[in-house]
Amino acid sequence: MTKPAQLISFDMNASLNHDDKDNIQLSAVEDHDGILTIRGGGARRDWNGIHYKQGMSANNVGTTSLSANIATIPPGGVAYAHIHVGFEVILYILEGKVRHEFGPGLKQVVENEAGDFIYIKPGVPHEVFNMSDTEPVVAFVARSSADEWDNIVPYDRN
């Protein structure tokens, strides 16, 4: 049995604005005259406590209204409280189990596990916890925005 992840104190602004989220490897993109490919998902980038495979967005393949990548929350990890402004997100959990605390004051809770789809409406504050101290959570993430992180703002759970 796993115990819930523990929230680690942090500087929210530093956490949301730091890391190497802009580490895009354009050389990883193969353009096959209308079909673009990134083998193996591209280089790893880190943002807000989450590891991302490069994936695809306006930054590297010129999408205009969507982006997608693979997100990994390490064991015991937390994707700190934030809001997606003006875009939708759909996730498919490939591995692991997560707990979303969401809504005003993050007082609502839902748990999801491998095999579950999750839809997050624009403007819903949420914080995501990996419920395992030993296994990562891995999810496919699709956004209705070509800008991966430009319209995400921190949310103060207090």
Foldseek 3Di string as FASTA:
>chain_A
DFAWFDDDDDDQVCQAVDWFLVPDDLVQWDDPPPDIDRPPQDDWTDGQQKIWRRWAFCSHPNDAFKTKTKIKRAASTKNAKKFQAPKKKKKAWQAAKKWKQKAQLSNDIDIDGHGDMDIDDGPIIIMMTGRHNHGMIMMMMMMRHRDDRPRMGHDDSD
